[in-house]
Amino acid sequence: MSQTTQEAPGAFIDRRGDGGATPTRERRQFSNSHQALSPDARELGEAIDEYKLRHRRRFVTYEEIMSVVKELGYQK
């Protein structure tokens, strides 16, 4: 026999397991892709990766990249 759970219609079930806490491990596909970059490019890449991890984003927009660049102190 299969066991089913009774949920209210339209009830949201959070299956992420951690209750929405910030991920504790890096989820990037290529974790060593910054090795061959210049120091400045490596700093930018790591800052963008941190932003993506902090905000649980797989992809970022140009506006988000600009905010990361400004956080690093670059200005026009």
N, C-alpha and C. Protein backbone atom coordinates (compact mmCIF):
# COMPACT_ATOMS: atom_id res chain seq x y z
N MET A 1 0.83 -1.18 0.00
CA MET A 1 0.00 0.00 0.00
C MET A 1 0.87 1.24 0.00
N SER A 2 0.43 2.24 -0.71
CA SER A 2 1.18 3.50 -0.70
C SER A 2 0.66 4.40 0.40
N GLN A 3 1.56 5.15 0.95
CA GLN A 3 1.22 6.05 2.04
C GLN A 3 1.14 7.47 1.49
N THR A 4 0.04 8.15 1.73
CA THR A 4 -0.11 9.52 1.24
C THR A 4 -0.30 10.45 2.42
N THR A 5 0.07 11.68 2.22
CA THR A 5 -0.13 12.68 3.26
C THR A 5 -1.30 13.55 2.86
N GLN A 6 -2.08 13.95 3.80
CA GLN A 6 -3.22 14.81 3.55
C GLN A 6 -2.80 16.27 3.73
N GLU A 7 -2.82 17.03 2.66
CA GLU A 7 -2.47 18.45 2.70
C GLU A 7 -3.66 19.24 2.22
N ALA A 8 -3.78 20.43 2.71
CA ALA A 8 -4.84 21.32 2.25
C ALA A 8 -4.58 21.65 0.79
N PRO A 9 -5.64 21.75 -0.01
CA PRO A 9 -5.45 22.10 -1.42
C PRO A 9 -4.71 23.42 -1.56
N GLY A 10 -3.71 23.44 -2.40
CA GLY A 10 -2.94 24.65 -2.63
C GLY A 10 -1.91 24.96 -1.56
N ALA A 11 -1.74 24.07 -0.58
CA ALA A 11 -0.75 24.31 0.48
C ALA A 11 0.65 24.16 -0.09
N PHE A 12 1.54 25.05 0.31
CA PHE A 12 2.92 25.00 -0.16
C PHE A 12 3.73 24.06 0.72
N ILE A 13 4.46 23.15 0.08
CA ILE A 13 5.32 22.23 0.81
C ILE A 13 6.76 22.58 0.47
N ASP A 14 7.53 23.00 1.47
CA ASP A 14 8.93 23.35 1.27
C ASP A 14 9.76 22.09 1.38
N ARG A 15 10.33 21.65 0.26
CA ARG A 15 11.10 20.40 0.24
C ARG A 15 12.60 20.63 0.20
N ARG A 16 13.03 21.84 0.47
CA ARG A 16 14.47 22.13 0.43
C ARG A 16 15.21 21.51 1.60
N GLY A 17 14.52 21.19 2.66
CA GLY A 17 15.13 20.47 3.76
C GLY A 17 15.80 21.31 4.82
N ASP A 18 16.25 22.49 4.49
CA ASP A 18 16.96 23.29 5.48
C ASP A 18 16.13 24.46 5.97
N GLY A 19 14.87 24.51 5.62
CA GLY A 19 14.00 25.57 6.08
C GLY A 19 14.33 26.93 5.48
N GLY A 20 15.05 26.96 4.36
CA GLY A 20 15.37 28.22 3.70
C GLY A 20 16.64 28.87 4.20
N ALA A 21 17.45 28.17 4.97
CA ALA A 21 18.70 28.73 5.47
C ALA A 21 19.68 28.93 4.32
N THR A 22 20.66 29.78 4.52
CA THR A 22 21.68 30.02 3.51
C THR A 22 22.48 28.75 3.26
N PRO A 23 22.73 28.40 1.99
CA PRO A 23 23.49 27.19 1.69
C PRO A 23 24.87 27.23 2.32
N THR A 24 25.33 26.09 2.79
CA THR A 24 26.64 26.05 3.45
C THR A 24 27.74 25.57 2.53
N ARG A 25 27.40 25.08 1.36
CA ARG A 25 28.43 24.65 0.43
C ARG A 25 28.24 25.33 -0.92
N GLU A 26 29.30 25.43 -1.64
CA GLU A 26 29.28 26.09 -2.93
C GLU A 26 28.59 25.21 -3.96
N ARG A 27 27.75 25.81 -4.81
CA ARG A 27 27.01 25.03 -5.78
C ARG A 27 27.45 25.32 -7.21
N ARG A 28 28.57 25.99 -7.40
CA ARG A 28 29.02 26.28 -8.76
C ARG A 28 29.47 25.00 -9.43
N GLN A 29 29.29 24.94 -10.74
CA GLN A 29 29.68 23.76 -11.48
C GLN A 29 31.20 23.65 -11.63
N PHE A 30 31.87 24.76 -11.85
CA PHE A 30 33.31 24.75 -12.07
C PHE A 30 33.97 25.52 -10.95
N SER A 31 34.31 24.86 -9.88
CA SER A 31 34.80 25.56 -8.69
C SER A 31 36.21 26.10 -8.84
N ASN A 32 36.97 25.67 -9.83
CA ASN A 32 38.35 26.15 -9.98
C ASN A 32 38.52 27.01 -11.23
N SER A 33 37.45 27.60 -11.75
CA SER A 33 37.53 28.34 -13.00
C SER A 33 38.23 29.70 -12.87
N HIS A 34 38.56 30.12 -11.66
CA HIS A 34 39.22 31.41 -11.48
C HIS A 34 40.74 31.27 -11.45
N GLN A 35 41.26 30.10 -11.57
CA GLN A 35 42.69 29.84 -11.45
C GLN A 35 43.54 30.63 -12.44
N ALA A 36 43.11 30.70 -13.70
CA ALA A 36 43.94 31.30 -14.75
C ALA A 36 43.68 32.80 -14.93
N LEU A 37 42.87 33.40 -14.09
CA LEU A 37 42.52 34.81 -14.24
C LEU A 37 43.55 35.73 -13.57
N SER A 38 43.55 36.97 -14.01
CA SER A 38 44.39 37.98 -13.36
C SER A 38 43.83 38.21 -11.96
N PRO A 39 44.61 38.78 -11.06
CA PRO A 39 44.12 39.02 -9.69
C PRO A 39 42.82 39.84 -9.64
N ASP A 40 42.72 40.88 -10.48
CA ASP A 40 41.51 41.69 -10.49
C ASP A 40 40.30 40.90 -10.99
N ALA A 41 40.49 40.14 -12.06
CA ALA A 41 39.39 39.33 -12.60
C ALA A 41 38.99 38.23 -11.62
N ARG A 42 39.97 37.66 -10.92
CA ARG A 42 39.68 36.64 -9.92
C ARG A 42 38.85 37.23 -8.78
N GLU A 43 39.22 38.45 -8.34
CA GLU A 43 38.46 39.11 -7.28
C GLU A 43 37.01 39.34 -7.71
N LEU A 44 36.81 39.79 -8.95
CA LEU A 44 35.47 40.02 -9.47
C LEU A 44 34.69 38.71 -9.56
N GLY A 45 35.31 37.67 -10.09
CA GLY A 45 34.64 36.37 -10.22
C GLY A 45 34.23 35.82 -8.87
N GLU A 46 35.11 35.92 -7.89
CA GLU A 46 34.79 35.42 -6.55
C GLU A 46 33.69 36.25 -5.90
N ALA A 47 33.70 37.57 -6.14
CA ALA A 47 32.66 38.43 -5.58
C ALA A 47 31.30 38.11 -6.21
N ILE A 48 31.27 37.86 -7.50
CA ILE A 48 30.02 37.49 -8.16
C ILE A 48 29.54 36.14 -7.66
N ASP A 49 30.44 35.19 -7.50
CA ASP A 49 30.05 33.88 -6.96
C ASP A 49 29.48 34.00 -5.55
N GLU A 50 30.09 34.85 -4.73
CA GLU A 50 29.60 35.07 -3.37
C GLU A 50 28.21 35.70 -3.40
N TYR A 51 28.02 36.67 -4.32
CA TYR A 51 26.70 37.30 -4.48
C TYR A 51 25.65 36.25 -4.85
N LYS A 52 25.99 35.39 -5.81
CA LYS A 52 25.05 34.35 -6.25
C LYS A 52 24.73 33.39 -5.12
N LEU A 53 25.71 33.04 -4.33
CA LEU A 53 25.49 32.14 -3.21
C LEU A 53 24.64 32.81 -2.12
N ARG A 54 24.95 34.05 -1.82
CA ARG A 54 24.24 34.79 -0.78
C ARG A 54 22.78 35.01 -1.14
N HIS A 55 22.52 35.29 -2.43
CA HIS A 55 21.17 35.60 -2.87
C HIS A 55 20.47 34.42 -3.54
N ARG A 56 21.11 33.25 -3.47
CA ARG A 56 20.54 32.02 -4.04
C ARG A 56 20.13 32.20 -5.49
N ARG A 57 21.07 32.73 -6.28
CA ARG A 57 20.82 32.97 -7.70
C ARG A 57 21.75 32.11 -8.53
N ARG A 58 21.23 31.48 -9.54
CA ARG A 58 22.08 30.71 -10.44
C ARG A 58 22.66 31.62 -11.52
N PHE A 59 21.87 32.56 -11.97
CA PHE A 59 22.29 33.51 -12.98
C PHE A 59 22.06 34.91 -12.44
N VAL A 60 22.87 35.87 -12.86
CA VAL A 60 22.72 37.25 -12.41
C VAL A 60 22.48 38.15 -13.61
N THR A 61 21.82 39.27 -13.37
CA THR A 61 21.57 40.25 -14.42
C THR A 61 22.73 41.23 -14.48
N TYR A 62 22.73 42.04 -15.52
CA TYR A 62 23.76 43.07 -15.63
C TYR A 62 23.69 44.06 -14.48
N GLU A 63 22.48 44.37 -14.03
CA GLU A 63 22.32 45.28 -12.89
C GLU A 63 22.95 44.69 -11.63
N GLU A 64 22.78 43.38 -11.43
CA GLU A 64 23.38 42.73 -10.27
C GLU A 64 24.90 42.70 -10.36
N ILE A 65 25.41 42.49 -11.56
CA ILE A 65 26.86 42.52 -11.76
C ILE A 65 27.39 43.92 -11.46
N MET A 66 26.65 44.94 -11.93
CA MET A 66 27.07 46.32 -11.67
C MET A 66 27.10 46.60 -10.17
N SER A 67 26.12 46.08 -9.43
CA SER A 67 26.12 46.32 -7.98
C SER A 67 27.31 45.63 -7.31
N VAL A 68 27.71 44.46 -7.79
CA VAL A 68 28.88 43.77 -7.25
C VAL A 68 30.14 44.57 -7.56
N VAL A 69 30.24 45.07 -8.76
CA VAL A 69 31.41 45.88 -9.17
C VAL A 69 31.52 47.12 -8.29
N LYS A 70 30.39 47.78 -8.03
CA LYS A 70 30.40 48.97 -7.18
C LYS A 70 30.75 48.62 -5.74
N GLU A 71 30.28 47.46 -5.27
CA GLU A 71 30.64 47.02 -3.92
C GLU A 71 32.14 46.81 -3.76
N LEU A 72 32.79 46.44 -4.85
CA LEU A 72 34.25 46.25 -4.83
C LEU A 72 34.99 47.58 -4.85
N GLY A 73 34.26 48.69 -5.09
CA GLY A 73 34.89 50.00 -5.04
C GLY A 73 35.21 50.58 -6.39
N TYR A 74 34.84 49.92 -7.46
CA TYR A 74 35.12 50.48 -8.79
C TYR A 74 34.10 51.56 -9.10
N GLN A 75 34.57 52.60 -9.80
CA GLN A 75 33.68 53.67 -10.22
C GLN A 75 34.11 54.16 -11.59
N LYS A 76 33.18 54.77 -12.27
CA LYS A 76 33.45 55.27 -13.62
C LYS A 76 34.21 56.57 -13.56
